[in-house]
Amino acid sequence: MKTYDRNCNAITIGSHVMIASNGATGVIRAIRGEGKTAEQLRRSDCIEIEGCDGVYCPLELVRLGFN
């Protein structure tokens, strides 16, 4: 599954991202977006990041690198 970060960069499982609010970094391990449209997915808390507790909204994330 693919969605987009706050800068409209594509992010998928395995993408290295930074959480904009606190600067923590990690790798996306799951995107929980079954049954959601692309717009709903981008605005809902649905991304799990390895090494970070909780789920995050794609608009809170910034992709690092090209994966």
PDB file of N, CA and C in Angstrom:
ATOM      1  N   MET A   1       0.845  -1.165   0.000  1.00  0.00           N
ATOM      2  CA  MET A   1       0.000   0.000   0.000  1.00  0.00           C
ATOM      3  C   MET A   1       0.897   1.237   0.000  1.00  0.00           C
ATOM      4  N   LYS A   2       0.456   2.265  -0.699  1.00  0.00           N
ATOM      5  CA  LYS A   2       1.238   3.491  -0.821  1.00  0.00           C
ATOM      6  C   LYS A   2       0.374   4.679  -0.405  1.00  0.00           C
ATOM      7  N   THR A   3       0.994   5.629   0.270  1.00  0.00           N
ATOM      8  CA  THR A   3       0.351   6.900   0.605  1.00  0.00           C
ATOM      9  C   THR A   3       1.411   7.982   0.466  1.00  0.00           C
ATOM     10  N   TYR A   4       1.105   9.190   0.898  1.00  0.00           N
ATOM     11  CA  TYR A   4       2.019  10.307   0.681  1.00  0.00           C
ATOM     12  C   TYR A   4       2.262  11.072   1.978  1.00  0.00           C
ATOM     13  N   ASP A   5       3.514  11.519   2.163  1.00  0.00           N
ATOM     14  CA  ASP A   5       3.872  12.272   3.368  1.00  0.00           C
ATOM     15  C   ASP A   5       3.436  13.735   3.250  1.00  0.00           C
ATOM     16  N   ARG A   6       3.833  14.560   4.192  1.00  0.00           N
ATOM     17  CA  ARG A   6       3.408  15.965   4.210  1.00  0.00           C
ATOM     18  C   ARG A   6       3.938  16.759   3.029  1.00  0.00           C
ATOM     19  N   ASN A   7       4.978  16.276   2.368  1.00  0.00           N
ATOM     20  CA  ASN A   7       5.554  16.954   1.203  1.00  0.00           C
ATOM     21  C   ASN A   7       5.152  16.295  -0.110  1.00  0.00           C
ATOM     22  N   CYS A   8       4.137  15.461  -0.070  1.00  0.00           N
ATOM     23  CA  CYS A   8       3.613  14.741  -1.249  1.00  0.00           C
ATOM     24  C   CYS A   8       4.611  13.748  -1.842  1.00  0.00           C
ATOM     25  N   ASN A   9       5.533  13.241  -1.021  1.00  0.00           N
ATOM     26  CA  ASN A   9       6.435  12.163  -1.438  1.00  0.00           C
ATOM     27  C   ASN A   9       5.769  10.832  -1.136  1.00  0.00           C
ATOM     28  N   ALA A  10       5.870   9.886  -2.060  1.00  0.00           N
ATOM     29  CA  ALA A  10       5.281   8.562  -1.853  1.00  0.00           C
ATOM     30  C   ALA A  10       6.009   7.832  -0.728  1.00  0.00           C
ATOM     31  N   ILE A  11       5.244   7.200   0.165  1.00  0.00           N
ATOM     32  CA  ILE A  11       5.811   6.373   1.227  1.00  0.00           C
ATOM     33  C   ILE A  11       5.079   5.034   1.244  1.00  0.00           C
ATOM     34  N   THR A  12       5.830   3.970   1.498  1.00  0.00           N
ATOM     35  CA  THR A  12       5.288   2.619   1.553  1.00  0.00           C
ATOM     36  C   THR A  12       5.926   1.891   2.726  1.00  0.00           C
ATOM     37  N   ILE A  13       5.540   0.644   2.923  1.00  0.00           N
ATOM     38  CA  ILE A  13       6.182  -0.182   3.947  1.00  0.00           C
ATOM     39  C   ILE A  13       7.658  -0.298   3.595  1.00  0.00           C
ATOM     40  N   GLY A  14       8.506  -0.053   4.566  1.00  0.00           N
ATOM     41  CA  GLY A  14       9.948  -0.080   4.350  1.00  0.00           C
ATOM     42  C   GLY A  14      10.564   1.292   4.138  1.00  0.00           C
ATOM     43  N   SER A  15       9.746   2.331   3.963  1.00  0.00           N
ATOM     44  CA  SER A  15      10.272   3.687   3.787  1.00  0.00           C
ATOM     45  C   SER A  15      10.824   4.208   5.107  1.00  0.00           C
ATOM     46  N   HIS A  16      11.950   4.899   5.036  1.00  0.00           N
ATOM     47  CA  HIS A  16      12.560   5.524   6.214  1.00  0.00           C
ATOM     48  C   HIS A  16      11.943   6.911   6.341  1.00  0.00           C
ATOM     49  N   VAL A  17      11.351   7.202   7.494  1.00  0.00           N
ATOM     50  CA  VAL A  17      10.639   8.466   7.689  1.00  0.00           C
ATOM     51  C   VAL A  17      11.031   9.124   9.010  1.00  0.00           C
ATOM     52  N   MET A  18      10.727  10.422   9.096  1.00  0.00           N
ATOM     53  CA  MET A  18      10.903  11.185  10.330  1.00  0.00           C
ATOM     54  C   MET A  18       9.540  11.716  10.744  1.00  0.00           C
ATOM     55  N   ILE A  19       9.263  11.675  12.032  1.00  0.00           N
ATOM     56  CA  ILE A  19       8.041  12.255  12.571  1.00  0.00           C
ATOM     57  C   ILE A  19       8.326  13.742  12.774  1.00  0.00           C
ATOM     58  N   ALA A  20       7.590  14.580  12.070  1.00  0.00           N
ATOM     59  CA  ALA A  20       7.877  16.017  12.060  1.00  0.00           C
ATOM     60  C   ALA A  20       7.760  16.665  13.435  1.00  0.00           C
ATOM     61  N   SER A  21       6.843  16.208  14.255  1.00  0.00           N
ATOM     62  CA  SER A  21       6.602  16.863  15.542  1.00  0.00           C
ATOM     63  C   SER A  21       7.711  16.657  16.571  1.00  0.00           C
ATOM     64  N   ASN A  22       8.416  15.507  16.494  1.00  0.00           N
ATOM     65  CA  ASN A  22       9.434  15.258  17.514  1.00  0.00           C
ATOM     66  C   ASN A  22      10.809  14.868  16.958  1.00  0.00           C
ATOM     67  N   GLY A  23      10.936  14.721  15.659  1.00  0.00           N
ATOM     68  CA  GLY A  23      12.223  14.415  15.048  1.00  0.00           C
ATOM     69  C   GLY A  23      12.646  12.961  15.122  1.00  0.00           C
ATOM     70  N   ALA A  24      11.814  12.099  15.697  1.00  0.00           N
ATOM     71  CA  ALA A  24      12.144  10.670  15.768  1.00  0.00           C
ATOM     72  C   ALA A  24      12.122  10.072  14.368  1.00  0.00           C
ATOM     73  N   THR A  25      13.016   9.122  14.127  1.00  0.00           N
ATOM     74  CA  THR A  25      13.068   8.467  12.817  1.00  0.00           C
ATOM     75  C   THR A  25      12.832   6.978  12.968  1.00  0.00           C
ATOM     76  N   GLY A  26      12.417   6.360  11.874  1.00  0.00           N
ATOM     77  CA  GLY A  26      12.193   4.922  11.872  1.00  0.00           C
ATOM     78  C   GLY A  26      11.760   4.461  10.499  1.00  0.00           C
ATOM     79  N   VAL A  27      11.474   3.185  10.405  1.00  0.00           N
ATOM     80  CA  VAL A  27      11.051   2.564   9.153  1.00  0.00           C
ATOM     81  C   VAL A  27       9.586   2.169   9.290  1.00  0.00           C
ATOM     82  N   ILE A  28       8.799   2.447   8.260  1.00  0.00           N
ATOM     83  CA  ILE A  28       7.381   2.081   8.283  1.00  0.00           C
ATOM     84  C   ILE A  28       7.277   0.566   8.254  1.00  0.00           C
ATOM     85  N   ARG A  29       6.574   0.002   9.240  1.00  0.00           N
ATOM     86  CA  ARG A  29       6.407  -1.448   9.278  1.00  0.00           C
ATOM     87  C   ARG A  29       5.001  -1.878   8.892  1.00  0.00           C
ATOM     88  N   ALA A  30       4.014  -0.972   8.937  1.00  0.00           N
ATOM     89  CA  ALA A  30       2.643  -1.324   8.533  1.00  0.00           C
ATOM     90  C   ALA A  30       1.868  -0.061   8.192  1.00  0.00           C
ATOM     91  N   ILE A  31       1.001  -0.204   7.191  1.00  0.00           N
ATOM     92  CA  ILE A  31       0.044   0.844   6.845  1.00  0.00           C
ATOM     93  C   ILE A  31      -1.328   0.203   6.938  1.00  0.00           C
ATOM     94  N   ARG A  32      -2.125   0.644   7.893  1.00  0.00           N
ATOM     95  CA  ARG A  32      -3.452   0.068   8.147  1.00  0.00           C
ATOM     96  C   ARG A  32      -4.513   0.904   7.444  1.00  0.00           C
ATOM     97  N   GLY A  33      -4.752   0.624   6.180  1.00  0.00           N
ATOM     98  CA  GLY A  33      -5.678   1.453   5.427  1.00  0.00           C
ATOM     99  C   GLY A  33      -6.731   0.701   4.665  1.00  0.00           C
ATOM    100  N   GLU A  34      -7.067  -0.505   5.107  1.00  0.00           N
ATOM    101  CA  GLU A  34      -8.052  -1.305   4.398  1.00  0.00           C
ATOM    102  C   GLU A  34      -9.399  -0.591   4.347  1.00  0.00           C
ATOM    103  N   GLY A  35      -9.994  -0.522   3.177  1.00  0.00           N
ATOM    104  CA  GLY A  35     -11.317   0.062   3.024  1.00  0.00           C
ATOM    105  C   GLY A  35     -11.354   1.575   3.018  1.00  0.00           C
ATOM    106  N   LYS A  36     -10.190   2.235   2.970  1.00  0.00           N
ATOM    107  CA  LYS A  36     -10.160   3.700   2.971  1.00  0.00           C
ATOM    108  C   LYS A  36      -9.760   4.215   1.595  1.00  0.00           C
ATOM    109  N   THR A  37     -10.303   5.375   1.242  1.00  0.00           N
ATOM    110  CA  THR A  37      -9.880   6.015   0.001  1.00  0.00           C
ATOM    111  C   THR A  37      -8.498   6.626   0.228  1.00  0.00           C
ATOM    112  N   ALA A  38      -7.838   7.038  -0.851  1.00  0.00           N
ATOM    113  CA  ALA A  38      -6.507   7.636  -0.739  1.00  0.00           C
ATOM    114  C   ALA A  38      -6.537   8.882   0.138  1.00  0.00           C
ATOM    115  N   GLU A  39      -7.583   9.694   0.001  1.00  0.00           N
ATOM    116  CA  GLU A  39      -7.700  10.911   0.803  1.00  0.00           C
ATOM    117  C   GLU A  39      -7.930  10.589   2.278  1.00  0.00           C
ATOM    118  N   GLN A  40      -8.779   9.610   2.579  1.00  0.00           N
ATOM    119  CA  GLN A  40      -9.022   9.206   3.969  1.00  0.00           C
ATOM    120  C   GLN A  40      -7.752   8.634   4.584  1.00  0.00           C
ATOM    121  N   LEU A  41      -7.017   7.847   3.807  1.00  0.00           N
ATOM    122  CA  LEU A  41      -5.779   7.235   4.279  1.00  0.00           C
ATOM    123  C   LEU A  41      -4.755   8.309   4.649  1.00  0.00           C
ATOM    124  N   ARG A  42      -4.637   9.328   3.829  1.00  0.00           N
ATOM    125  CA  ARG A  42      -3.643  10.376   4.066  1.00  0.00           C
ATOM    126  C   ARG A  42      -3.943  11.183   5.318  1.00  0.00           C
ATOM    127  N   ARG A  43      -5.195  11.242   5.735  1.00  0.00           N
ATOM    128  CA  ARG A  43      -5.582  12.063   6.875  1.00  0.00           C
ATOM    129  C   ARG A  43      -5.903  11.276   8.147  1.00  0.00           C
ATOM    130  N   SER A  44      -5.708   9.970   8.134  1.00  0.00           N
ATOM    131  CA  SER A  44      -6.027   9.169   9.329  1.00  0.00           C
ATOM    132  C   SER A  44      -4.754   8.610   9.965  1.00  0.00           C
ATOM    133  N   ASP A  45      -4.838   8.311  11.261  1.00  0.00           N
ATOM    134  CA  ASP A  45      -3.719   7.685  11.968  1.00  0.00           C
ATOM    135  C   ASP A  45      -3.696   6.216  11.582  1.00  0.00           C
ATOM    136  N   CYS A  46      -2.783   5.834  10.691  1.00  0.00           N
ATOM    137  CA  CYS A  46      -2.799   4.475  10.162  1.00  0.00           C
ATOM    138  C   CYS A  46      -1.410   3.882   9.940  1.00  0.00           C
ATOM    139  N   ILE A  47      -0.349   4.594  10.278  1.00  0.00           N
ATOM    140  CA  ILE A  47       1.007   4.111   9.983  1.00  0.00           C
ATOM    141  C   ILE A  47       1.737   3.748  11.265  1.00  0.00           C
ATOM    142  N   GLU A  48       2.257   2.517  11.299  1.00  0.00           N
ATOM    143  CA  GLU A  48       3.086   2.063  12.416  1.00  0.00           C
ATOM    144  C   GLU A  48       4.550   2.191  12.001  1.00  0.00           C
ATOM    145  N   ILE A  49       5.353   2.742  12.910  1.00  0.00           N
ATOM    146  CA  ILE A  49       6.772   2.954  12.637  1.00  0.00           C
ATOM    147  C   ILE A  49       7.598   2.143  13.609  1.00  0.00           C
ATOM    148  N   GLU A  50       8.548   1.402  13.069  1.00  0.00           N
ATOM    149  CA  GLU A  50       9.429   0.563  13.875  1.00  0.00           C
ATOM    150  C   GLU A  50      10.205   1.434  14.861  1.00  0.00           C
ATOM    151  N   GLY A  51      10.156   1.068  16.133  1.00  0.00           N
ATOM    152  CA  GLY A  51      10.872   1.800  17.166  1.00  0.00           C
ATOM    153  C   GLY A  51      10.103   2.964  17.769  1.00  0.00           C
ATOM    154  N   CYS A  52       8.882   3.210  17.301  1.00  0.00           N
ATOM    155  CA  CYS A  52       8.051   4.297  17.832  1.00  0.00           C
ATOM    156  C   CYS A  52       6.715   3.729  18.281  1.00  0.00           C
ATOM    157  N   ASP A  53       6.239   4.184  19.416  1.00  0.00           N
ATOM    158  CA  ASP A  53       4.942   3.726  19.915  1.00  0.00           C
ATOM    159  C   ASP A  53       3.821   4.488  19.225  1.00  0.00           C
ATOM    160  N   GLY A  54       2.691   3.812  19.020  1.00  0.00           N
ATOM    161  CA  GLY A  54       1.516   4.456  18.459  1.00  0.00           C
ATOM    162  C   GLY A  54       1.453   4.371  16.952  1.00  0.00           C
ATOM    163  N   VAL A  55       0.412   4.992  16.415  1.00  0.00           N
ATOM    164  CA  VAL A  55       0.225   5.068  14.966  1.00  0.00           C
ATOM    165  C   VAL A  55       0.214   6.531  14.563  1.00  0.00           C
ATOM    166  N   TYR A  56       0.610   6.805  13.339  1.00  0.00           N
ATOM    167  CA  TYR A  56       0.790   8.174  12.882  1.00  0.00           C
ATOM    168  C   TYR A  56       0.034   8.431  11.591  1.00  0.00           C
ATOM    169  N   CYS A  57      -0.319   9.673  11.405  1.00  0.00           N
ATOM    170  CA  CYS A  57      -0.959  10.152  10.187  1.00  0.00           C
ATOM    171  C   CYS A  57       0.152  10.445   9.166  1.00  0.00           C
ATOM    172  N   PRO A  58      -0.035  10.096   7.891  1.00  0.00           N
ATOM    173  CA  PRO A  58       0.992  10.394   6.889  1.00  0.00           C
ATOM    174  C   PRO A  58       1.366  11.885   6.817  1.00  0.00           C
ATOM    175  N   LEU A  59       0.431  12.764   7.141  1.00  0.00           N
ATOM    176  CA  LEU A  59       0.734  14.198   7.105  1.00  0.00           C
ATOM    177  C   LEU A  59       1.681  14.630   8.217  1.00  0.00           C
ATOM    178  N   GLU A  60       1.933  13.746   9.194  1.00  0.00           N
ATOM    179  CA  GLU A  60       2.897  14.027  10.269  1.00  0.00           C
ATOM    180  C   GLU A  60       4.298  13.570   9.897  1.00  0.00           C
ATOM    181  N   LEU A  61       4.455  12.889   8.755  1.00  0.00           N
ATOM    182  CA  LEU A  61       5.713  12.248   8.409  1.00  0.00           C
ATOM    183  C   LEU A  61       6.439  12.959   7.279  1.00  0.00           C
ATOM    184  N   VAL A  62       7.766  12.812   7.274  1.00  0.00           N
ATOM    185  CA  VAL A  62       8.623  13.309   6.205  1.00  0.00           C
ATOM    186  C   VAL A  62       9.487  12.135   5.756  1.00  0.00           C
ATOM    187  N   ARG A  63       9.436  11.814   4.462  1.00  0.00           N
ATOM    188  CA  ARG A  63      10.264  10.709   3.938  1.00  0.00           C
ATOM    189  C   ARG A  63      11.724  11.099   3.927  1.00  0.00           C
ATOM    190  N   LEU A  64      12.569  10.154   4.330  1.00  0.00           N
ATOM    191  CA  LEU A  64      14.026  10.327   4.287  1.00  0.00           C
ATOM    192  C   LEU A  64      14.564   9.323   3.290  1.00  0.00           C
ATOM    193  N   GLY A  65      15.309   9.736   2.318  1.00  0.00           N
ATOM    194  CA  GLY A  65      15.836   8.817   1.316  1.00  0.00           C
ATOM    195  C   GLY A  65      14.797   8.505   0.246  1.00  0.00           C
ATOM    196  N   PHE A  66      15.075   7.464  -0.535  1.00  0.00           N
ATOM    197  CA  PHE A  66      14.226   7.172  -1.684  1.00  0.00           C
ATOM    198  C   PHE A  66      13.476   5.864  -1.605  1.00  0.00           C
ATOM    199  N   ASN A  67      13.488   5.165  -0.469  1.00  0.00           N
ATOM    200  CA  ASN A  67      12.745   3.898  -0.366  1.00  0.00           C
ATOM    201  C   ASN A  67      11.424   4.110   0.293  1.00  0.00           C
TER     202      ASN A  67
END
